Amino acid sequence: MTATFPEVLVPQALSAGAFDADDADVRNNLGLLGLLDVHSRDGRYHLTVSLEPVGSDLQPALWTLEVEMEVCAEAKVAHCKLGQVEYVGNAPGSHLRKMLANGELLAYLTQNLAEAA
């Protein structure tokens, strides 16, 4: 399968260290939605990552990870809805920041995009 825009651009920008987790705006919506929103250091990209629970459990353990990245100058948007992330807690947005900060987000995206190929 030939790599398409999301499969190349999102991991490439993350691996280049374009985003600083300390600059991220994080939202935790009553444990029902986690959102991370951050612009790249150079202003070229805008990354939005969300976690939504799978199913209707009051204490979900599986969450769907969704990533959207915009190339600001070109107004192009890469959108990836990926598999499930295991997480138990009531601050999924903060968990996303942690994943970005320690490289887990890149590793997860790389693994899931390779499996989809």
PDB file of N, CA and C in Angstrom:
ATOM      1  N   MET A   1       0.848  -1.181   0.000  1.00  0.00           N
ATOM      2  CA  MET A   1       0.000   0.000   0.000  1.00  0.00           C
ATOM      3  C   MET A   1       0.887   1.235   0.000  1.00  0.00           C
ATOM      4  N   THR A   2       0.587   2.175  -0.849  1.00  0.00           N
ATOM      5  CA  THR A   2       1.340   3.419  -0.894  1.00  0.00           C
ATOM      6  C   THR A   2       0.928   4.298   0.273  1.00  0.00           C
ATOM      7  N   ALA A   3       1.911   4.894   0.923  1.00  0.00           N
ATOM      8  CA  ALA A   3       1.625   5.760   2.070  1.00  0.00           C
ATOM      9  C   ALA A   3       0.865   6.993   1.610  1.00  0.00           C
ATOM     10  N   THR A   4      -0.159   7.335   2.329  1.00  0.00           N
ATOM     11  CA  THR A   4      -0.935   8.523   2.010  1.00  0.00           C
ATOM     12  C   THR A   4      -0.627   9.619   3.007  1.00  0.00           C
ATOM     13  N   PHE A   5      -1.236  10.759   2.810  1.00  0.00           N
ATOM     14  CA  PHE A   5      -0.963  11.950   3.615  1.00  0.00           C
ATOM     15  C   PHE A   5      -0.960  11.695   5.119  1.00  0.00           C
ATOM     16  N   PRO A   6      -2.016  11.140   5.732  1.00  0.00           N
ATOM     17  CA  PRO A   6      -1.976  10.937   7.186  1.00  0.00           C
ATOM     18  C   PRO A   6      -0.906   9.956   7.627  1.00  0.00           C
ATOM     19  N   GLU A   7      -0.698   8.895   6.856  1.00  0.00           N
ATOM     20  CA  GLU A   7       0.259   7.876   7.263  1.00  0.00           C
ATOM     21  C   GLU A   7       1.688   8.384   7.262  1.00  0.00           C
ATOM     22  N   VAL A   8       1.958   9.432   6.495  1.00  0.00           N
ATOM     23  CA  VAL A   8       3.305   9.985   6.421  1.00  0.00           C
ATOM     24  C   VAL A   8       3.450  11.215   7.300  1.00  0.00           C
ATOM     25  N   LEU A   9       2.554  12.147   7.153  1.00  0.00           N
ATOM     26  CA  LEU A   9       2.732  13.455   7.775  1.00  0.00           C
ATOM     27  C   LEU A   9       2.638  13.439   9.291  1.00  0.00           C
ATOM     28  N   VAL A  10       1.650  12.777   9.836  1.00  0.00           N
ATOM     29  CA  VAL A  10       1.459  12.807  11.290  1.00  0.00           C
ATOM     30  C   VAL A  10       2.650  12.186  12.019  1.00  0.00           C
ATOM     31  N   PRO A  11       3.050  10.947  11.706  1.00  0.00           N
ATOM     32  CA  PRO A  11       4.220  10.391  12.399  1.00  0.00           C
ATOM     33  C   PRO A  11       5.500  11.180  12.132  1.00  0.00           C
ATOM     34  N   GLN A  12       5.641  11.701  10.913  1.00  0.00           N
ATOM     35  CA  GLN A  12       6.838  12.467  10.572  1.00  0.00           C
ATOM     36  C   GLN A  12       6.956  13.716  11.446  1.00  0.00           C
ATOM     37  N   ALA A  13       5.875  14.445  11.606  1.00  0.00           N
ATOM     38  CA  ALA A  13       5.904  15.654  12.435  1.00  0.00           C
ATOM     39  C   ALA A  13       6.132  15.310  13.901  1.00  0.00           C
ATOM     40  N   LEU A  14       5.504  14.238  14.383  1.00  0.00           N
ATOM     41  CA  LEU A  14       5.696  13.832  15.776  1.00  0.00           C
ATOM     42  C   LEU A  14       7.127  13.382  16.027  1.00  0.00           C
ATOM     43  N   SER A  15       7.693  12.605  15.104  1.00  0.00           N
ATOM     44  CA  SER A  15       9.058  12.112  15.310  1.00  0.00           C
ATOM     45  C   SER A  15      10.081  13.231  15.213  1.00  0.00           C
ATOM     46  N   ALA A  16       9.766  14.287  14.486  1.00  0.00           N
ATOM     47  CA  ALA A  16      10.678  15.429  14.371  1.00  0.00           C
ATOM     48  C   ALA A  16      10.612  16.325  15.605  1.00  0.00           C
ATOM     49  N   GLY A  17       9.717  16.005  16.526  1.00  0.00           N
ATOM     50  CA  GLY A  17       9.602  16.817  17.738  1.00  0.00           C
ATOM     51  C   GLY A  17       8.938  18.155  17.492  1.00  0.00           C
ATOM     52  N   ALA A  18       8.027  18.203  16.529  1.00  0.00           N
ATOM     53  CA  ALA A  18       7.380  19.463  16.175  1.00  0.00           C
ATOM     54  C   ALA A  18       6.464  19.998  17.270  1.00  0.00           C
ATOM     55  N   PHE A  19       6.010  19.128  18.155  1.00  0.00           N
ATOM     56  CA  PHE A  19       5.034  19.534  19.162  1.00  0.00           C
ATOM     57  C   PHE A  19       5.606  19.417  20.566  1.00  0.00           C
ATOM     58  N   ASP A  20       5.325  20.405  21.391  1.00  0.00           N
ATOM     59  CA  ASP A  20       5.759  20.412  22.787  1.00  0.00           C
ATOM     60  C   ASP A  20       4.534  20.157  23.662  1.00  0.00           C
ATOM     61  N   ALA A  21       4.556  19.076  24.408  1.00  0.00           N
ATOM     62  CA  ALA A  21       3.413  18.718  25.253  1.00  0.00           C
ATOM     63  C   ALA A  21       3.104  19.801  26.277  1.00  0.00           C
ATOM     64  N   ASP A  22       4.114  20.559  26.692  1.00  0.00           N
ATOM     65  CA  ASP A  22       3.889  21.624  27.673  1.00  0.00           C
ATOM     66  C   ASP A  22       3.058  22.769  27.100  1.00  0.00           C
ATOM     67  N   ASP A  23       3.022  22.902  25.770  1.00  0.00           N
ATOM     68  CA  ASP A  23       2.242  23.959  25.123  1.00  0.00           C
ATOM     69  C   ASP A  23       0.822  23.520  24.790  1.00  0.00           C
ATOM     70  N   ALA A  24       0.496  22.282  25.066  1.00  0.00           N
ATOM     71  CA  ALA A  24      -0.797  21.724  24.663  1.00  0.00           C
ATOM     72  C   ALA A  24      -1.931  22.208  25.558  1.00  0.00           C
ATOM     73  N   ASP A  25      -3.050  22.493  24.930  1.00  0.00           N
ATOM     74  CA  ASP A  25      -4.295  22.779  25.640  1.00  0.00           C
ATOM     75  C   ASP A  25      -4.987  21.432  25.824  1.00  0.00           C
ATOM     76  N   VAL A  26      -5.309  21.109  27.067  1.00  0.00           N
ATOM     77  CA  VAL A  26      -5.895  19.806  27.381  1.00  0.00           C
ATOM     78  C   VAL A  26      -7.274  20.001  27.989  1.00  0.00           C
ATOM     79  N   ARG A  27      -8.227  19.189  27.540  1.00  0.00           N
ATOM     80  CA  ARG A  27      -9.574  19.225  28.116  1.00  0.00           C
ATOM     81  C   ARG A  27      -9.970  17.819  28.534  1.00  0.00           C
ATOM     82  N   ASN A  28     -10.580  17.745  29.700  1.00  0.00           N
ATOM     83  CA  ASN A  28     -11.121  16.487  30.212  1.00  0.00           C
ATOM     84  C   ASN A  28     -12.604  16.728  30.462  1.00  0.00           C
ATOM     85  N   ASN A  29     -13.455  16.085  29.683  1.00  0.00           N
ATOM     86  CA  ASN A  29     -14.892  16.308  29.776  1.00  0.00           C
ATOM     87  C   ASN A  29     -15.547  15.202  30.592  1.00  0.00           C
ATOM     88  N   LEU A  30     -15.557  15.365  31.897  1.00  0.00           N
ATOM     89  CA  LEU A  30     -16.240  14.443  32.811  1.00  0.00           C
ATOM     90  C   LEU A  30     -15.879  12.979  32.580  1.00  0.00           C
ATOM     91  N   GLY A  31     -14.672  12.727  32.133  1.00  0.00           N
ATOM     92  CA  GLY A  31     -14.259  11.358  31.873  1.00  0.00           C
ATOM     93  C   GLY A  31     -14.896  10.749  30.640  1.00  0.00           C
ATOM     94  N   LEU A  32     -15.608  11.568  29.846  1.00  0.00           N
ATOM     95  CA  LEU A  32     -16.295  11.065  28.658  1.00  0.00           C
ATOM     96  C   LEU A  32     -15.569  11.406  27.368  1.00  0.00           C
ATOM     97  N   LEU A  33     -14.649  12.335  27.436  1.00  0.00           N
ATOM     98  CA  LEU A  33     -13.899  12.753  26.259  1.00  0.00           C
ATOM     99  C   LEU A  33     -12.613  13.405  26.724  1.00  0.00           C
ATOM    100  N   GLY A  34     -11.533  13.051  26.085  1.00  0.00           N
ATOM    101  CA  GLY A  34     -10.256  13.708  26.346  1.00  0.00           C
ATOM    102  C   GLY A  34      -9.796  14.373  25.073  1.00  0.00           C
ATOM    103  N   LEU A  35      -9.285  15.594  25.180  1.00  0.00           N
ATOM    104  CA  LEU A  35      -8.874  16.342  24.004  1.00  0.00           C
ATOM    105  C   LEU A  35      -7.534  17.006  24.256  1.00  0.00           C
ATOM    106  N   LEU A  36      -6.634  16.888  23.291  1.00  0.00           N
ATOM    107  CA  LEU A  36      -5.345  17.564  23.319  1.00  0.00           C
ATOM    108  C   LEU A  36      -5.272  18.401  22.057  1.00  0.00           C
ATOM    109  N   ASP A  37      -4.921  19.663  22.199  1.00  0.00           N
ATOM    110  CA  ASP A  37      -4.885  20.597  21.084  1.00  0.00           C
ATOM    111  C   ASP A  37      -3.579  21.378  21.183  1.00  0.00           C
ATOM    112  N   VAL A  38      -2.745  21.322  20.139  1.00  0.00           N
ATOM    113  CA  VAL A  38      -1.443  21.996  20.206  1.00  0.00           C
ATOM    114  C   VAL A  38      -0.982  22.404  18.804  1.00  0.00           C
ATOM    115  N   HIS A  39      -0.334  23.568  18.731  1.00  0.00           N
ATOM    116  CA  HIS A  39       0.308  24.021  17.495  1.00  0.00           C
ATOM    117  C   HIS A  39       1.788  23.652  17.560  1.00  0.00           C
ATOM    118  N   SER A  40       2.375  23.391  16.407  1.00  0.00           N
ATOM    119  CA  SER A  40       3.800  23.061  16.377  1.00  0.00           C
ATOM    120  C   SER A  40       4.621  24.288  16.755  1.00  0.00           C
ATOM    121  N   ARG A  41       5.847  24.035  17.155  1.00  0.00           N
ATOM    122  CA  ARG A  41       6.737  25.122  17.575  1.00  0.00           C
ATOM    123  C   ARG A  41       6.922  26.158  16.476  1.00  0.00           C
ATOM    124  N   ASP A  42       6.961  25.717  15.220  1.00  0.00           N
ATOM    125  CA  ASP A  42       7.185  26.642  14.107  1.00  0.00           C
ATOM    126  C   ASP A  42       5.886  27.179  13.505  1.00  0.00           C
ATOM    127  N   GLY A  43       4.742  26.770  14.049  1.00  0.00           N
ATOM    128  CA  GLY A  43       3.458  27.273  13.578  1.00  0.00           C
ATOM    129  C   GLY A  43       2.962  26.634  12.293  1.00  0.00           C
ATOM    130  N   ARG A  44       3.671  25.631  11.786  1.00  0.00           N
ATOM    131  CA  ARG A  44       3.265  25.001  10.525  1.00  0.00           C
ATOM    132  C   ARG A  44       2.102  24.033  10.685  1.00  0.00           C
ATOM    133  N   TYR A  45       1.987  23.407  11.850  1.00  0.00           N
ATOM    134  CA  TYR A  45       0.992  22.361  12.052  1.00  0.00           C
ATOM    135  C   TYR A  45       0.101  22.656  13.250  1.00  0.00           C
ATOM    136  N   HIS A  46      -1.098  22.125  13.181  1.00  0.00           N
ATOM    137  CA  HIS A  46      -2.039  22.177  14.299  1.00  0.00           C
ATOM    138  C   HIS A  46      -2.517  20.748  14.524  1.00  0.00           C
ATOM    139  N   LEU A  47      -2.253  20.219  15.718  1.00  0.00           N
ATOM    140  CA  LEU A  47      -2.570  18.833  16.044  1.00  0.00           C
ATOM    141  C   LEU A  47      -3.704  18.787  17.054  1.00  0.00           C
ATOM    142  N   THR A  48      -4.712  17.968  16.768  1.00  0.00           N
ATOM    143  CA  THR A  48      -5.807  17.715  17.698  1.00  0.00           C
ATOM    144  C   THR A  48      -5.929  16.205  17.861  1.00  0.00           C
ATOM    145  N   VAL A  49      -5.903  15.759  19.103  1.00  0.00           N
ATOM    146  CA  VAL A  49      -6.016  14.331  19.401  1.00  0.00           C
ATOM    147  C   VAL A  49      -7.140  14.160  20.409  1.00  0.00           C
ATOM    148  N   SER A  50      -7.990  13.168  20.198  1.00  0.00           N
ATOM    149  CA  SER A  50      -9.080  12.937  21.144  1.00  0.00           C
ATOM    150  C   SER A  50      -9.157  11.466  21.529  1.00  0.00           C
ATOM    151  N   LEU A  51      -9.669  11.248  22.719  1.00  0.00           N
ATOM    152  CA  LEU A  51      -9.991   9.911  23.211  1.00  0.00           C
ATOM    153  C   LEU A  51     -11.471   9.893  23.557  1.00  0.00           C
ATOM    154  N   GLU A  52     -12.199   8.936  22.992  1.00  0.00           N
ATOM    155  CA  GLU A  52     -13.614   8.760  23.313  1.00  0.00           C
ATOM    156  C   GLU A  52     -13.821   7.325  23.763  1.00  0.00           C
ATOM    157  N   PRO A  53     -14.637   7.128  24.798  1.00  0.00           N
ATOM    158  CA  PRO A  53     -14.833   5.769  25.302  1.00  0.00           C
ATOM    159  C   PRO A  53     -15.521   4.866  24.279  1.00  0.00           C
ATOM    160  N   VAL A  54     -15.112   3.606  24.297  1.00  0.00           N
ATOM    161  CA  VAL A  54     -15.764   2.581  23.484  1.00  0.00           C
ATOM    162  C   VAL A  54     -16.873   2.005  24.349  1.00  0.00           C
ATOM    163  N   GLY A  55     -18.085   2.055  23.874  1.00  0.00           N
ATOM    164  CA  GLY A  55     -19.210   1.551  24.660  1.00  0.00           C
ATOM    165  C   GLY A  55     -19.726   2.598  25.628  1.00  0.00           C
ATOM    166  N   SER A  56     -20.596   2.157  26.518  1.00  0.00           N
ATOM    167  CA  SER A  56     -21.253   3.097  27.433  1.00  0.00           C
ATOM    168  C   SER A  56     -20.970   2.790  28.898  1.00  0.00           C
ATOM    169  N   ASP A  57     -19.869   2.108  29.169  1.00  0.00           N
ATOM    170  CA  ASP A  57     -19.513   1.814  30.556  1.00  0.00           C
ATOM    171  C   ASP A  57     -19.275   3.100  31.333  1.00  0.00           C
ATOM    172  N   LEU A  58     -19.646   3.088  32.606  1.00  0.00           N
ATOM    173  CA  LEU A  58     -19.395   4.254  33.451  1.00  0.00           C
ATOM    174  C   LEU A  58     -17.909   4.446  33.715  1.00  0.00           C
ATOM    175  N   GLN A  59     -17.165   3.369  33.765  1.00  0.00           N
ATOM    176  CA  GLN A  59     -15.710   3.407  33.938  1.00  0.00           C
ATOM    177  C   GLN A  59     -15.061   2.706  32.742  1.00  0.00           C
ATOM    178  N   PRO A  60     -15.020   3.365  31.579  1.00  0.00           N
ATOM    179  CA  PRO A  60     -14.490   2.692  30.391  1.00  0.00           C
ATOM    180  C   PRO A  60     -13.003   2.377  30.532  1.00  0.00           C
ATOM    181  N   ALA A  61     -12.596   1.272  29.940  1.00  0.00           N
ATOM    182  CA  ALA A  61     -11.184   0.884  29.923  1.00  0.00           C
ATOM    183  C   ALA A  61     -10.617   0.975  28.509  1.00  0.00           C
ATOM    184  N   LEU A  62     -11.489   0.938  27.496  1.00  0.00           N
ATOM    185  CA  LEU A  62     -11.053   1.053  26.108  1.00  0.00           C
ATOM    186  C   LEU A  62     -11.561   2.359  25.513  1.00  0.00           C
ATOM    187  N   TRP A  63     -10.668   3.038  24.824  1.00  0.00           N
ATOM    188  CA  TRP A  63     -10.979   4.341  24.239  1.00  0.00           C
ATOM    189  C   TRP A  63     -10.554   4.352  22.781  1.00  0.00           C
ATOM    190  N   THR A  64     -11.312   5.041  21.934  1.00  0.00           N
ATOM    191  CA  THR A  64     -10.948   5.220  20.536  1.00  0.00           C
ATOM    192  C   THR A  64     -10.082   6.466  20.422  1.00  0.00           C
ATOM    193  N   LEU A  65      -8.942   6.312  19.763  1.00  0.00           N
ATOM    194  CA  LEU A  65      -8.015   7.422  19.553  1.00  0.00           C
ATOM    195  C   LEU A  65      -8.239   7.997  18.165  1.00  0.00           C
ATOM    196  N   GLU A  66      -8.407   9.303  18.099  1.00  0.00           N
ATOM    197  CA  GLU A  66      -8.603   9.990  16.835  1.00  0.00           C
ATOM    198  C   GLU A  66      -7.596  11.133  16.753  1.00  0.00           C
ATOM    199  N   VAL A  67      -6.939  11.261  15.599  1.00  0.00           N
ATOM    200  CA  VAL A  67      -5.907  12.276  15.408  1.00  0.00           C
ATOM    201  C   VAL A  67      -6.250  13.091  14.171  1.00  0.00           C
ATOM    202  N   GLU A  68      -6.120  14.403  14.308  1.00  0.00           N
ATOM    203  CA  GLU A  68      -6.307  15.293  13.172  1.00  0.00           C
ATOM    204  C   GLU A  68      -5.167  16.296  13.175  1.00  0.00           C
ATOM    205  N   MET A  69      -4.511  16.456  12.027  1.00  0.00           N
ATOM    206  CA  MET A  69      -3.438  17.424  11.937  1.00  0.00           C
ATOM    207  C   MET A  69      -3.630  18.280  10.703  1.00  0.00           C
ATOM    208  N   GLU A  70      -3.524  19.581  10.896  1.00  0.00           N
ATOM    209  CA  GLU A  70      -3.676  20.531   9.803  1.00  0.00           C
ATOM    210  C   GLU A  70      -2.319  21.109   9.442  1.00  0.00           C
ATOM    211  N   VAL A  71      -2.040  21.191   8.143  1.00  0.00           N
ATOM    212  CA  VAL A  71      -0.893  21.940   7.647  1.00  0.00           C
ATOM    213  C   VAL A  71      -1.436  23.344   7.420  1.00  0.00           C
ATOM    214  N   CYS A  72      -1.090  24.253   8.315  1.00  0.00           N
ATOM    215  CA  CYS A  72      -1.741  25.562   8.368  1.00  0.00           C
ATOM    216  C   CYS A  72      -1.628  26.356   7.067  1.00  0.00           C
ATOM    217  N   ALA A  73      -0.457  26.433   6.459  1.00  0.00           N
ATOM    218  CA  ALA A  73      -0.263  27.246   5.263  1.00  0.00           C
ATOM    219  C   ALA A  73      -1.040  26.715   4.064  1.00  0.00           C
ATOM    220  N   GLU A  74      -1.262  25.415   4.028  1.00  0.00           N
ATOM    221  CA  GLU A  74      -1.926  24.796   2.881  1.00  0.00           C
ATOM    222  C   GLU A  74      -3.384  24.448   3.148  1.00  0.00           C
ATOM    223  N   ALA A  75      -3.817  24.596   4.383  1.00  0.00           N
ATOM    224  CA  ALA A  75      -5.180  24.252   4.796  1.00  0.00           C
ATOM    225  C   ALA A  75      -5.522  22.798   4.464  1.00  0.00           C
ATOM    226  N   LYS A  76      -4.523  21.919   4.519  1.00  0.00           N
ATOM    227  CA  LYS A  76      -4.746  20.482   4.332  1.00  0.00           C
ATOM    228  C   LYS A  76      -4.896  19.847   5.698  1.00  0.00           C
ATOM    229  N   VAL A  77      -5.793  18.886   5.792  1.00  0.00           N
ATOM    230  CA  VAL A  77      -6.039  18.223   7.067  1.00  0.00           C
ATOM    231  C   VAL A  77      -5.857  16.717   6.902  1.00  0.00           C
ATOM    232  N   ALA A  78      -5.056  16.145   7.799  1.00  0.00           N
ATOM    233  CA  ALA A  78      -4.887  14.695   7.871  1.00  0.00           C
ATOM    234  C   ALA A  78      -5.740  14.206   9.025  1.00  0.00           C
ATOM    235  N   HIS A  79      -6.524  13.167   8.784  1.00  0.00           N
ATOM    236  CA  HIS A  79      -7.420  12.651   9.820  1.00  0.00           C
ATOM    237  C   HIS A  79      -7.226  11.142   9.937  1.00  0.00           C
ATOM    238  N   CYS A  80      -6.945  10.683  11.140  1.00  0.00           N
ATOM    239  CA  CYS A  80      -6.770   9.248  11.385  1.00  0.00           C
ATOM    240  C   CYS A  80      -7.644   8.846  12.559  1.00  0.00           C
ATOM    241  N   LYS A  81      -8.532   7.909  12.343  1.00  0.00           N
ATOM    242  CA  LYS A  81      -9.291   7.324  13.446  1.00  0.00           C
ATOM    243  C   LYS A  81      -8.716   5.939  13.642  1.00  0.00           C
ATOM    244  N   LEU A  82      -8.094   5.745  14.787  1.00  0.00           N
ATOM    245  CA  LEU A  82      -7.329   4.527  15.005  1.00  0.00           C
ATOM    246  C   LEU A  82      -8.000   3.610  15.989  1.00  0.00           C
ATOM    247  N   GLY A  83      -7.316   2.548  16.277  1.00  0.00           N
ATOM    248  CA  GLY A  83      -7.819   1.521  17.169  1.00  0.00           C
ATOM    249  C   GLY A  83      -8.008   1.993  18.591  1.00  0.00           C
ATOM    250  N   GLN A  84      -7.988   1.062  19.474  1.00  0.00           N
ATOM    251  CA  GLN A  84      -8.348   1.343  20.853  1.00  0.00           C
ATOM    252  C   GLN A  84      -7.119   1.466  21.743  1.00  0.00           C
ATOM    253  N   VAL A  85      -7.220   2.387  22.682  1.00  0.00           N
ATOM    254  CA  VAL A  85      -6.191   2.623  23.684  1.00  0.00           C
ATOM    255  C   VAL A  85      -6.766   2.191  25.023  1.00  0.00           C
ATOM    256  N   GLU A  86      -5.973   1.492  25.806  1.00  0.00           N
ATOM    257  CA  GLU A  86      -6.414   1.123  27.150  1.00  0.00           C
ATOM    258  C   GLU A  86      -6.090   2.268  28.096  1.00  0.00           C
ATOM    259  N   TYR A  87      -7.089   2.715  28.831  1.00  0.00           N
ATOM    260  CA  TYR A  87      -6.909   3.787  29.803  1.00  0.00           C
ATOM    261  C   TYR A  87      -8.040   3.698  30.816  1.00  0.00           C
ATOM    262  N   VAL A  88      -7.698   3.785  32.077  1.00  0.00           N
ATOM    263  CA  VAL A  88      -8.697   3.828  33.136  1.00  0.00           C
ATOM    264  C   VAL A  88      -8.408   5.074  33.956  1.00  0.00           C
ATOM    265  N   GLY A  89      -9.385   5.930  34.055  1.00  0.00           N
ATOM    266  CA  GLY A  89      -9.220   7.167  34.807  1.00  0.00           C
ATOM    267  C   GLY A  89     -10.240   8.185  34.362  1.00  0.00           C
ATOM    268  N   ASN A  90     -10.176   9.366  34.966  1.00  0.00           N
ATOM    269  CA  ASN A  90     -11.156  10.398  34.632  1.00  0.00           C
ATOM    270  C   ASN A  90     -10.513  11.634  34.013  1.00  0.00           C
ATOM    271  N   ALA A  91      -9.272  11.517  33.517  1.00  0.00           N
ATOM    272  CA  ALA A  91      -8.592  12.647  32.886  1.00  0.00           C
ATOM    273  C   ALA A  91      -7.938  12.198  31.573  1.00  0.00           C
ATOM    274  N   PRO A  92      -8.746  11.783  30.588  1.00  0.00           N
ATOM    275  CA  PRO A  92      -8.169  11.268  29.345  1.00  0.00           C
ATOM    276  C   PRO A  92      -7.361  12.305  28.569  1.00  0.00           C
ATOM    277  N   GLY A  93      -7.719  13.577  28.668  1.00  0.00           N
ATOM    278  CA  GLY A  93      -6.937  14.619  27.998  1.00  0.00           C
ATOM    279  C   GLY A  93      -5.534  14.717  28.567  1.00  0.00           C
ATOM    280  N   SER A  94      -5.431  14.619  29.874  1.00  0.00           N
ATOM    281  CA  SER A  94      -4.117  14.634  30.523  1.00  0.00           C
ATOM    282  C   SER A  94      -3.310  13.399  30.133  1.00  0.00           C
ATOM    283  N   HIS A  95      -3.995  12.284  29.942  1.00  0.00           N
ATOM    284  CA  HIS A  95      -3.327  11.060  29.490  1.00  0.00           C
ATOM    285  C   HIS A  95      -2.752  11.264  28.086  1.00  0.00           C
ATOM    286  N   LEU A  96      -3.481  11.966  27.219  1.00  0.00           N
ATOM    287  CA  LEU A  96      -2.978  12.257  25.876  1.00  0.00           C
ATOM    288  C   LEU A  96      -1.714  13.108  25.942  1.00  0.00           C
ATOM    289  N   ARG A  97      -1.700  14.107  26.832  1.00  0.00           N
ATOM    290  CA  ARG A  97      -0.512  14.951  26.982  1.00  0.00           C
ATOM    291  C   ARG A  97       0.683  14.087  27.400  1.00  0.00           C
ATOM    292  N   LYS A  98       0.439  13.170  28.326  1.00  0.00           N
ATOM    293  CA  LYS A  98       1.505  12.273  28.786  1.00  0.00           C
ATOM    294  C   LYS A  98       2.000  11.404  27.632  1.00  0.00           C
ATOM    295  N   MET A  99       1.065  10.887  26.816  1.00  0.00           N
ATOM    296  CA  MET A  99       1.447  10.069  25.660  1.00  0.00           C
ATOM    297  C   MET A  99       2.306  10.864  24.683  1.00  0.00           C
ATOM    298  N   LEU A 100       1.958  12.135  24.454  1.00  0.00           N
ATOM    299  CA  LEU A 100       2.734  12.986  23.556  1.00  0.00           C
ATOM    300  C   LEU A 100       4.115  13.261  24.144  1.00  0.00           C
ATOM    301  N   ALA A 101       4.162  13.559  25.433  1.00  0.00           N
ATOM    302  CA  ALA A 101       5.416  13.936  26.086  1.00  0.00           C
ATOM    303  C   ALA A 101       6.439  12.804  26.100  1.00  0.00           C
ATOM    304  N   ASN A 102       5.994  11.572  26.312  1.00  0.00           N
ATOM    305  CA  ASN A 102       6.969  10.486  26.450  1.00  0.00           C
ATOM    306  C   ASN A 102       7.106   9.608  25.204  1.00  0.00           C
ATOM    307  N   GLY A 103       6.547  10.045  24.080  1.00  0.00           N
ATOM    308  CA  GLY A 103       6.727   9.327  22.826  1.00  0.00           C
ATOM    309  C   GLY A 103       5.752   8.194  22.583  1.00  0.00           C
ATOM    310  N   GLU A 104       4.849   7.936  23.526  1.00  0.00           N
ATOM    311  CA  GLU A 104       3.885   6.846  23.350  1.00  0.00           C
ATOM    312  C   GLU A 104       2.919   7.118  22.204  1.00  0.00           C
ATOM    313  N   LEU A 105       2.560   8.365  21.995  1.00  0.00           N
ATOM    314  CA  LEU A 105       1.614   8.697  20.929  1.00  0.00           C
ATOM    315  C   LEU A 105       2.220   8.354  19.573  1.00  0.00           C
ATOM    316  N   LEU A 106       3.466   8.719  19.361  1.00  0.00           N
ATOM    317  CA  LEU A 106       4.140   8.391  18.107  1.00  0.00           C
ATOM    318  C   LEU A 106       4.240   6.882  17.928  1.00  0.00           C
ATOM    319  N   ALA A 107       4.647   6.166  18.963  1.00  0.00           N
ATOM    320  CA  ALA A 107       4.779   4.709  18.879  1.00  0.00           C
ATOM    321  C   ALA A 107       3.435   4.063  18.572  1.00  0.00           C
ATOM    322  N   TYR A 108       2.386   4.529  19.213  1.00  0.00           N
ATOM    323  CA  TYR A 108       1.054   3.974  18.993  1.00  0.00           C
ATOM    324  C   TYR A 108       0.593   4.235  17.557  1.00  0.00           C
ATOM    325  N   LEU A 109       0.767   5.469  17.083  1.00  0.00           N
ATOM    326  CA  LEU A 109       0.358   5.808  15.720  1.00  0.00           C
ATOM    327  C   LEU A 109       1.135   4.991  14.698  1.00  0.00           C
ATOM    328  N   THR A 110       2.437   4.885  14.889  1.00  0.00           N
ATOM    329  CA  THR A 110       3.275   4.140  13.954  1.00  0.00           C
ATOM    330  C   THR A 110       2.836   2.685  13.870  1.00  0.00           C
ATOM    331  N   GLN A 111       2.592   2.074  15.012  1.00  0.00           N
ATOM    332  CA  GLN A 111       2.164   0.673  15.053  1.00  0.00           C
ATOM    333  C   GLN A 111       0.816   0.493  14.363  1.00  0.00           C
ATOM    334  N   ASN A 112      -0.146   1.348  14.676  1.00  0.00           N
ATOM    335  CA  ASN A 112      -1.489   1.190  14.118  1.00  0.00           C
ATOM    336  C   ASN A 112      -1.551   1.516  12.637  1.00  0.00           C
ATOM    337  N   LEU A 113      -0.787   2.493  12.185  1.00  0.00           N
ATOM    338  CA  LEU A 113      -0.775   2.808  10.762  1.00  0.00           C
ATOM    339  C   LEU A 113      -0.105   1.686   9.972  1.00  0.00           C
ATOM    340  N   ALA A 114       0.918   1.061  10.545  1.00  0.00           N
ATOM    341  CA  ALA A 114       1.579  -0.064   9.874  1.00  0.00           C
ATOM    342  C   ALA A 114       0.635  -1.259   9.772  1.00  0.00           C
ATOM    343  N   GLU A 115      -0.143  -1.507  10.819  1.00  0.00           N
ATOM    344  CA  GLU A 115      -1.094  -2.620  10.800  1.00  0.00           C
ATOM    345  C   GLU A 115      -2.197  -2.392   9.775  1.00  0.00           C
ATOM    346  N   ALA A 116      -2.563  -1.130   9.560  1.00  0.00           N
ATOM    347  CA  ALA A 116      -3.622  -0.810   8.605  1.00  0.00           C
ATOM    348  C   ALA A 116      -3.138  -0.920   7.160  1.00  0.00           C
ATOM    349  N   ALA A 117      -1.831  -0.852   6.966  1.00  0.00           N
ATOM    350  CA  ALA A 117      -1.271  -0.863   5.601  1.00  0.00           C
ATOM    351  C   ALA A 117      -1.360  -2.229   4.951  1.00  0.00           C
TER     352      ALA A 117
END
